[in-house]
Amino acid sequence: EAGVHSKAWYAATCDRKMAEDALYRSNKDGSFLVRKSSGQDSRQPYTLVVFYNRRVYNIPIRFIESTRQYALGREKTGEE
């Protein structure tokens, strides 16, 4: 795993709604947490949930097998 399980910002048991509700309650720009992604896909194991400008954003965290690294967002053609 990515070593996130012991971090304060990792919400292991949060689903999307719980995560969004928690950040709306915080009502603080820059508040965030990382949760397990809803689908059981090893290529997108986590989701970054961020509160900004009175909105909550769910940003996929994907695992790139060839480099053994993580990246934010959807894959883009020609990305480095």
PDB file of N, CA and C in Angstrom:
ATOM      1  N   GLU A   1       0.833  -1.195   0.000  1.00  0.00           N
ATOM      2  CA  GLU A   1       0.000   0.000   0.000  1.00  0.00           C
ATOM      3  C   GLU A   1       0.870   1.249   0.000  1.00  0.00           C
ATOM      4  N   ALA A   2       0.236   2.373  -0.110  1.00  0.00           N
ATOM      5  CA  ALA A   2       0.943   3.635  -0.260  1.00  0.00           C
ATOM      6  C   ALA A   2       1.390   4.232   1.066  1.00  0.00           C
ATOM      7  N   GLY A   3       1.196   3.534   2.170  1.00  0.00           N
ATOM      8  CA  GLY A   3       1.594   4.066   3.468  1.00  0.00           C
ATOM      9  C   GLY A   3       0.636   5.118   3.995  1.00  0.00           C
ATOM     10  N   VAL A   4      -0.570   5.135   3.500  1.00  0.00           N
ATOM     11  CA  VAL A   4      -1.542   6.164   3.908  1.00  0.00           C
ATOM     12  C   VAL A   4      -2.343   5.755   5.133  1.00  0.00           C
ATOM     13  N   HIS A   5      -2.362   4.488   5.439  1.00  0.00           N
ATOM     14  CA  HIS A   5      -3.274   3.989   6.471  1.00  0.00           C
ATOM     15  C   HIS A   5      -3.058   4.590   7.851  1.00  0.00           C
ATOM     16  N   SER A   6      -1.887   5.074   8.154  1.00  0.00           N
ATOM     17  CA  SER A   6      -1.631   5.646   9.478  1.00  0.00           C
ATOM     18  C   SER A   6      -1.731   7.170   9.499  1.00  0.00           C
ATOM     19  N   LYS A   7      -2.057   7.766   8.382  1.00  0.00           N
ATOM     20  CA  LYS A   7      -2.128   9.226   8.300  1.00  0.00           C
ATOM     21  C   LYS A   7      -3.465   9.741   8.831  1.00  0.00           C
ATOM     22  N   ALA A   8      -3.452  10.912   9.466  1.00  0.00           N
ATOM     23  CA  ALA A   8      -4.674  11.502  10.026  1.00  0.00           C
ATOM     24  C   ALA A   8      -5.679  11.853   8.944  1.00  0.00           C
ATOM     25  N   TRP A   9      -5.223  12.142   7.748  1.00  0.00           N
ATOM     26  CA  TRP A   9      -6.116  12.558   6.665  1.00  0.00           C
ATOM     27  C   TRP A   9      -6.688  11.380   5.879  1.00  0.00           C
ATOM     28  N   TYR A  10      -6.302  10.159   6.230  1.00  0.00           N
ATOM     29  CA  TYR A  10      -6.838   8.984   5.537  1.00  0.00           C
ATOM     30  C   TYR A  10      -8.109   8.520   6.244  1.00  0.00           C
ATOM     31  N   ALA A  11      -9.205   8.517   5.518  1.00  0.00           N
ATOM     32  CA  ALA A  11     -10.501   8.119   6.065  1.00  0.00           C
ATOM     33  C   ALA A  11     -10.861   6.738   5.528  1.00  0.00           C
ATOM     34  N   ALA A  12     -10.364   5.733   6.174  1.00  0.00           N
ATOM     35  CA  ALA A  12     -10.484   4.356   5.687  1.00  0.00           C
ATOM     36  C   ALA A  12     -11.924   3.905   5.497  1.00  0.00           C
ATOM     37  N   THR A  13     -12.813   4.286   6.379  1.00  0.00           N
ATOM     38  CA  THR A  13     -14.176   3.764   6.330  1.00  0.00           C
ATOM     39  C   THR A  13     -15.178   4.754   5.734  1.00  0.00           C
ATOM     40  N   CYS A  14     -14.710   5.852   5.193  1.00  0.00           N
ATOM     41  CA  CYS A  14     -15.594   6.874   4.612  1.00  0.00           C
ATOM     42  C   CYS A  14     -15.996   6.510   3.189  1.00  0.00           C
ATOM     43  N   ASP A  15     -17.285   6.624   2.910  1.00  0.00           N
ATOM     44  CA  ASP A  15     -17.701   6.551   1.518  1.00  0.00           C
ATOM     45  C   ASP A  15     -17.781   7.986   0.982  1.00  0.00           C
ATOM     46  N   ARG A  16     -18.170   8.137  -0.255  1.00  0.00           N
ATOM     47  CA  ARG A  16     -18.177   9.460  -0.884  1.00  0.00           C
ATOM     48  C   ARG A  16     -19.063  10.456  -0.118  1.00  0.00           C
ATOM     49  N   LYS A  17     -20.269  10.041   0.226  1.00  0.00           N
ATOM     50  CA  LYS A  17     -21.195  10.947   0.907  1.00  0.00           C
ATOM     51  C   LYS A  17     -20.668  11.359   2.271  1.00  0.00           C
ATOM     52  N   MET A  18     -20.174  10.403   3.042  1.00  0.00           N
ATOM     53  CA  MET A  18     -19.627  10.723   4.368  1.00  0.00           C
ATOM     54  C   MET A  18     -18.465  11.699   4.264  1.00  0.00           C
ATOM     55  N   ALA A  19     -17.584  11.479   3.286  1.00  0.00           N
ATOM     56  CA  ALA A  19     -16.424  12.349   3.100  1.00  0.00           C
ATOM     57  C   ALA A  19     -16.866  13.767   2.727  1.00  0.00           C
ATOM     58  N   GLU A  20     -17.804  13.860   1.786  1.00  0.00           N
ATOM     59  CA  GLU A  20     -18.285  15.178   1.369  1.00  0.00           C
ATOM     60  C   GLU A  20     -18.972  15.888   2.529  1.00  0.00           C
ATOM     61  N   ASP A  21     -19.801  15.185   3.285  1.00  0.00           N
ATOM     62  CA  ASP A  21     -20.485  15.791   4.436  1.00  0.00           C
ATOM     63  C   ASP A  21     -19.487  16.322   5.459  1.00  0.00           C
ATOM     64  N   ALA A  22     -18.449  15.548   5.733  1.00  0.00           N
ATOM     65  CA  ALA A  22     -17.435  15.967   6.708  1.00  0.00           C
ATOM     66  C   ALA A  22     -16.738  17.249   6.260  1.00  0.00           C
ATOM     67  N   LEU A  23     -16.429  17.349   4.974  1.00  0.00           N
ATOM     68  CA  LEU A  23     -15.745  18.546   4.492  1.00  0.00           C
ATOM     69  C   LEU A  23     -16.676  19.748   4.424  1.00  0.00           C
ATOM     70  N   TYR A  24     -17.933  19.530   4.090  1.00  0.00           N
ATOM     71  CA  TYR A  24     -18.898  20.642   4.133  1.00  0.00           C
ATOM     72  C   TYR A  24     -19.023  21.171   5.558  1.00  0.00           C
ATOM     73  N   ARG A  25     -19.012  20.275   6.537  1.00  0.00           N
ATOM     74  CA  ARG A  25     -19.090  20.711   7.939  1.00  0.00           C
ATOM     75  C   ARG A  25     -17.848  21.503   8.338  1.00  0.00           C
ATOM     76  N   SER A  26     -16.695  21.132   7.796  1.00  0.00           N
ATOM     77  CA  SER A  26     -15.459  21.864   8.126  1.00  0.00           C
ATOM     78  C   SER A  26     -15.522  23.285   7.596  1.00  0.00           C
ATOM     79  N   ASN A  27     -16.125  23.442   6.411  1.00  0.00           N
ATOM     80  CA  ASN A  27     -16.322  24.747   5.784  1.00  0.00           C
ATOM     81  C   ASN A  27     -15.026  25.568   5.734  1.00  0.00           C
ATOM     82  N   LYS A  28     -13.916  24.881   5.478  1.00  0.00           N
ATOM     83  CA  LYS A  28     -12.615  25.552   5.451  1.00  0.00           C
ATOM     84  C   LYS A  28     -11.891  25.207   4.159  1.00  0.00           C
ATOM     85  N   ASP A  29     -11.588  26.234   3.355  1.00  0.00           N
ATOM     86  CA  ASP A  29     -10.853  26.012   2.107  1.00  0.00           C
ATOM     87  C   ASP A  29      -9.553  25.266   2.385  1.00  0.00           C
ATOM     88  N   GLY A  30      -9.300  24.287   1.570  1.00  0.00           N
ATOM     89  CA  GLY A  30      -8.084  23.494   1.707  1.00  0.00           C
ATOM     90  C   GLY A  30      -8.254  22.250   2.553  1.00  0.00           C
ATOM     91  N   SER A  31      -9.403  22.105   3.214  1.00  0.00           N
ATOM     92  CA  SER A  31      -9.649  20.875   3.964  1.00  0.00           C
ATOM     93  C   SER A  31      -9.677  19.716   2.979  1.00  0.00           C
ATOM     94  N   PHE A  32      -9.116  18.593   3.381  1.00  0.00           N
ATOM     95  CA  PHE A  32      -9.079  17.443   2.476  1.00  0.00           C
ATOM     96  C   PHE A  32      -9.000  16.160   3.268  1.00  0.00           C
ATOM     97  N   LEU A  33      -9.293  15.079   2.590  1.00  0.00           N
ATOM     98  CA  LEU A  33      -9.051  13.742   3.100  1.00  0.00           C
ATOM     99  C   LEU A  33      -8.864  12.812   1.918  1.00  0.00           C
ATOM    100  N   VAL A  34      -8.331  11.665   2.196  1.00  0.00           N
ATOM    101  CA  VAL A  34      -8.165  10.634   1.179  1.00  0.00           C
ATOM    102  C   VAL A  34      -8.986   9.443   1.640  1.00  0.00           C
ATOM    103  N   ARG A  35      -9.771   8.906   0.714  1.00  0.00           N
ATOM    104  CA  ARG A  35     -10.604   7.745   1.018  1.00  0.00           C
ATOM    105  C   ARG A  35     -10.355   6.669  -0.029  1.00  0.00           C
ATOM    106  N   LYS A  36     -10.782   5.460   0.286  1.00  0.00           N
ATOM    107  CA  LYS A  36     -10.738   4.401  -0.733  1.00  0.00           C
ATOM    108  C   LYS A  36     -11.727   4.750  -1.816  1.00  0.00           C
ATOM    109  N   SER A  37     -11.370   4.496  -3.051  1.00  0.00           N
ATOM    110  CA  SER A  37     -12.283   4.754  -4.157  1.00  0.00           C
ATOM    111  C   SER A  37     -13.456   3.777  -4.086  1.00  0.00           C
ATOM    112  N   SER A  38     -14.576   4.211  -4.619  1.00  0.00           N
ATOM    113  CA  SER A  38     -15.801   3.405  -4.567  1.00  0.00           C
ATOM    114  C   SER A  38     -15.658   2.084  -5.305  1.00  0.00           C
ATOM    115  N   GLY A  39     -15.055   2.118  -6.490  1.00  0.00           N
ATOM    116  CA  GLY A  39     -14.854   0.889  -7.260  1.00  0.00           C
ATOM    117  C   GLY A  39     -13.668   0.116  -6.722  1.00  0.00           C
ATOM    118  N   GLN A  40     -13.681  -1.169  -6.913  1.00  0.00           N
ATOM    119  CA  GLN A  40     -12.552  -1.999  -6.478  1.00  0.00           C
ATOM    120  C   GLN A  40     -11.561  -2.140  -7.629  1.00  0.00           C
ATOM    121  N   ASP A  41     -10.921  -1.043  -7.989  1.00  0.00           N
ATOM    122  CA  ASP A  41     -10.010  -1.020  -9.129  1.00  0.00           C
ATOM    123  C   ASP A  41      -8.607  -0.706  -8.637  1.00  0.00           C
ATOM    124  N   SER A  42      -7.669  -1.606  -8.864  1.00  0.00           N
ATOM    125  CA  SER A  42      -6.297  -1.389  -8.397  1.00  0.00           C
ATOM    126  C   SER A  42      -5.616  -0.244  -9.134  1.00  0.00           C
ATOM    127  N   ARG A  43      -6.173   0.150 -10.286  1.00  0.00           N
ATOM    128  CA  ARG A  43      -5.585   1.277 -11.027  1.00  0.00           C
ATOM    129  C   ARG A  43      -6.047   2.623 -10.469  1.00  0.00           C
ATOM    130  N   GLN A  44      -7.108   2.630  -9.663  1.00  0.00           N
ATOM    131  CA  GLN A  44      -7.559   3.856  -9.004  1.00  0.00           C
ATOM    132  C   GLN A  44      -7.978   3.498  -7.575  1.00  0.00           C
ATOM    133  N   PRO A  45      -6.991   3.286  -6.711  1.00  0.00           N
ATOM    134  CA  PRO A  45      -7.308   2.789  -5.377  1.00  0.00           C
ATOM    135  C   PRO A  45      -7.866   3.839  -4.412  1.00  0.00           C
ATOM    136  N   TYR A  46      -7.560   5.110  -4.648  1.00  0.00           N
ATOM    137  CA  TYR A  46      -7.942   6.157  -3.710  1.00  0.00           C
ATOM    138  C   TYR A  46      -8.594   7.342  -4.432  1.00  0.00           C
ATOM    139  N   THR A  47      -9.242   8.177  -3.614  1.00  0.00           N
ATOM    140  CA  THR A  47      -9.807   9.433  -4.101  1.00  0.00           C
ATOM    141  C   THR A  47      -9.430  10.531  -3.123  1.00  0.00           C
ATOM    142  N   LEU A  48      -8.937  11.632  -3.647  1.00  0.00           N
ATOM    143  CA  LEU A  48      -8.649  12.823  -2.859  1.00  0.00           C
ATOM    144  C   LEU A  48      -9.912  13.671  -2.848  1.00  0.00           C
ATOM    145  N   VAL A  49     -10.389  14.015  -1.669  1.00  0.00           N
ATOM    146  CA  VAL A  49     -11.603  14.817  -1.523  1.00  0.00           C
ATOM    147  C   VAL A  49     -11.186  16.158  -0.914  1.00  0.00           C
ATOM    148  N   VAL A  50     -11.478  17.254  -1.638  1.00  0.00           N
ATOM    149  CA  VAL A  50     -10.999  18.581  -1.250  1.00  0.00           C
ATOM    150  C   VAL A  50     -12.168  19.550  -1.164  1.00  0.00           C
ATOM    151  N   PHE A  51     -12.147  20.405  -0.136  1.00  0.00           N
ATOM    152  CA  PHE A  51     -13.131  21.477  -0.007  1.00  0.00           C
ATOM    153  C   PHE A  51     -12.476  22.780  -0.462  1.00  0.00           C
ATOM    154  N   TYR A  52     -13.108  23.451  -1.422  1.00  0.00           N
ATOM    155  CA  TYR A  52     -12.587  24.729  -1.901  1.00  0.00           C
ATOM    156  C   TYR A  52     -13.740  25.580  -2.450  1.00  0.00           C
ATOM    157  N   ASN A  53     -13.786  26.822  -2.015  1.00  0.00           N
ATOM    158  CA  ASN A  53     -14.763  27.785  -2.522  1.00  0.00           C
ATOM    159  C   ASN A  53     -16.198  27.256  -2.382  1.00  0.00           C
ATOM    160  N   ARG A  54     -16.493  26.722  -1.186  1.00  0.00           N
ATOM    161  CA  ARG A  54     -17.821  26.205  -0.838  1.00  0.00           C
ATOM    162  C   ARG A  54     -18.253  24.997  -1.671  1.00  0.00           C
ATOM    163  N   ARG A  55     -17.292  24.299  -2.272  1.00  0.00           N
ATOM    164  CA  ARG A  55     -17.596  23.091  -3.050  1.00  0.00           C
ATOM    165  C   ARG A  55     -16.657  21.971  -2.632  1.00  0.00           C
ATOM    166  N   VAL A  56     -17.100  20.741  -2.874  1.00  0.00           N
ATOM    167  CA  VAL A  56     -16.272  19.572  -2.607  1.00  0.00           C
ATOM    168  C   VAL A  56     -15.925  18.917  -3.940  1.00  0.00           C
ATOM    169  N   TYR A  57     -14.666  18.602  -4.106  1.00  0.00           N
ATOM    170  CA  TYR A  57     -14.171  17.976  -5.336  1.00  0.00           C
ATOM    171  C   TYR A  57     -13.632  16.593  -5.001  1.00  0.00           C
ATOM    172  N   ASN A  58     -13.997  15.611  -5.810  1.00  0.00           N
ATOM    173  CA  ASN A  58     -13.483  14.246  -5.691  1.00  0.00           C
ATOM    174  C   ASN A  58     -12.515  14.009  -6.843  1.00  0.00           C
ATOM    175  N   ILE A  59     -11.249  13.863  -6.512  1.00  0.00           N
ATOM    176  CA  ILE A  59     -10.200  13.744  -7.527  1.00  0.00           C
ATOM    177  C   ILE A  59      -9.615  12.336  -7.446  1.00  0.00           C
ATOM    178  N   PRO A  60      -9.704  11.584  -8.540  1.00  0.00           N
ATOM    179  CA  PRO A  60      -9.162  10.222  -8.513  1.00  0.00           C
ATOM    180  C   PRO A  60      -7.650  10.224  -8.299  1.00  0.00           C
ATOM    181  N   ILE A  61      -7.197   9.270  -7.513  1.00  0.00           N
ATOM    182  CA  ILE A  61      -5.761   9.015  -7.350  1.00  0.00           C
ATOM    183  C   ILE A  61      -5.526   7.665  -7.999  1.00  0.00           C
ATOM    184  N   ARG A  62      -4.750   7.661  -9.052  1.00  0.00           N
ATOM    185  CA  ARG A  62      -4.539   6.404  -9.772  1.00  0.00           C
ATOM    186  C   ARG A  62      -3.109   5.914  -9.586  1.00  0.00           C
ATOM    187  N   PHE A  63      -2.963   4.628  -9.714  1.00  0.00           N
ATOM    188  CA  PHE A  63      -1.671   3.980  -9.575  1.00  0.00           C
ATOM    189  C   PHE A  63      -1.159   3.630 -10.955  1.00  0.00           C
ATOM    190  N   ILE A  64       0.058   4.083 -11.259  1.00  0.00           N
ATOM    191  CA  ILE A  64       0.677   3.805 -12.559  1.00  0.00           C
ATOM    192  C   ILE A  64       1.621   2.620 -12.368  1.00  0.00           C
ATOM    193  N   GLU A  65       1.209   1.496 -12.867  1.00  0.00           N
ATOM    194  CA  GLU A  65       1.944   0.244 -12.653  1.00  0.00           C
ATOM    195  C   GLU A  65       3.379   0.317 -13.186  1.00  0.00           C
ATOM    196  N   SER A  66       3.555   0.900 -14.370  1.00  0.00           N
ATOM    197  CA  SER A  66       4.883   0.904 -15.007  1.00  0.00           C
ATOM    198  C   SER A  66       5.924   1.674 -14.202  1.00  0.00           C
ATOM    199  N   THR A  67       5.507   2.711 -13.480  1.00  0.00           N
ATOM    200  CA  THR A  67       6.455   3.520 -12.701  1.00  0.00           C
ATOM    201  C   THR A  67       6.320   3.295 -11.201  1.00  0.00           C
ATOM    202  N   ARG A  68       5.260   2.547 -10.807  1.00  0.00           N
ATOM    203  CA  ARG A  68       4.970   2.282  -9.394  1.00  0.00           C
ATOM    204  C   ARG A  68       4.752   3.595  -8.630  1.00  0.00           C
ATOM    205  N   GLN A  69       4.117   4.562  -9.289  1.00  0.00           N
ATOM    206  CA  GLN A  69       3.848   5.862  -8.682  1.00  0.00           C
ATOM    207  C   GLN A  69       2.355   6.161  -8.733  1.00  0.00           C
ATOM    208  N   TYR A  70       1.960   7.180  -7.968  1.00  0.00           N
ATOM    209  CA  TYR A  70       0.575   7.618  -7.950  1.00  0.00           C
ATOM    210  C   TYR A  70       0.473   8.949  -8.669  1.00  0.00           C
ATOM    211  N   ALA A  71      -0.703   9.208  -9.263  1.00  0.00           N
ATOM    212  CA  ALA A  71      -0.948  10.466  -9.965  1.00  0.00           C
ATOM    213  C   ALA A  71      -2.387  10.883  -9.702  1.00  0.00           C
ATOM    214  N   LEU A  72      -2.621  12.191  -9.772  1.00  0.00           N
ATOM    215  CA  LEU A  72      -3.969  12.730  -9.582  1.00  0.00           C
ATOM    216  C   LEU A  72      -4.685  12.858 -10.910  1.00  0.00           C
ATOM    217  N   GLY A  73      -5.998  12.661 -10.890  1.00  0.00           N
ATOM    218  CA  GLY A  73      -6.820  12.893 -12.065  1.00  0.00           C
ATOM    219  C   GLY A  73      -6.822  11.722 -13.038  1.00  0.00           C
ATOM    220  N   ARG A  74      -7.531  11.936 -14.102  1.00  0.00           N
ATOM    221  CA  ARG A  74      -7.628  10.916 -15.159  1.00  0.00           C
ATOM    222  C   ARG A  74      -6.373  10.926 -16.018  1.00  0.00           C
ATOM    223  N   GLU A  75      -6.067   9.796 -16.619  1.00  0.00           N
ATOM    224  CA  GLU A  75      -4.892   9.696 -17.480  1.00  0.00           C
ATOM    225  C   GLU A  75      -5.052  10.584 -18.690  1.00  0.00           C
ATOM    226  N   LYS A  76      -3.954  11.255 -19.056  1.00  0.00           N
ATOM    227  CA  LYS A  76      -3.947  12.137 -20.223  1.00  0.00           C
ATOM    228  C   LYS A  76      -2.965  11.616 -21.254  1.00  0.00           C
ATOM    229  N   THR A  77      -3.291  11.750 -22.511  1.00  0.00           N
ATOM    230  CA  THR A  77      -2.408  11.301 -23.580  1.00  0.00           C
ATOM    231  C   THR A  77      -1.081  12.043 -23.506  1.00  0.00           C
ATOM    232  N   GLY A  78       0.015  11.308 -23.539  1.00  0.00           N
ATOM    233  CA  GLY A  78       1.339  11.912 -23.553  1.00  0.00           C
ATOM    234  C   GLY A  78       1.806  12.450 -22.217  1.00  0.00           C
ATOM    235  N   GLU A  79       1.147  12.068 -21.126  1.00  0.00           N
ATOM    236  CA  GLU A  79       1.571  12.610 -19.836  1.00  0.00           C
ATOM    237  C   GLU A  79       2.907  12.027 -19.415  1.00  0.00           C
ATOM    238  N   GLU A  80       3.593  12.757 -18.592  1.00  0.00           N
ATOM    239  CA  GLU A  80       4.886  12.290 -18.075  1.00  0.00           C
ATOM    240  C   GLU A  80       4.707  11.799 -16.660  1.00  0.00           C
TER     241      GLU A  80
END
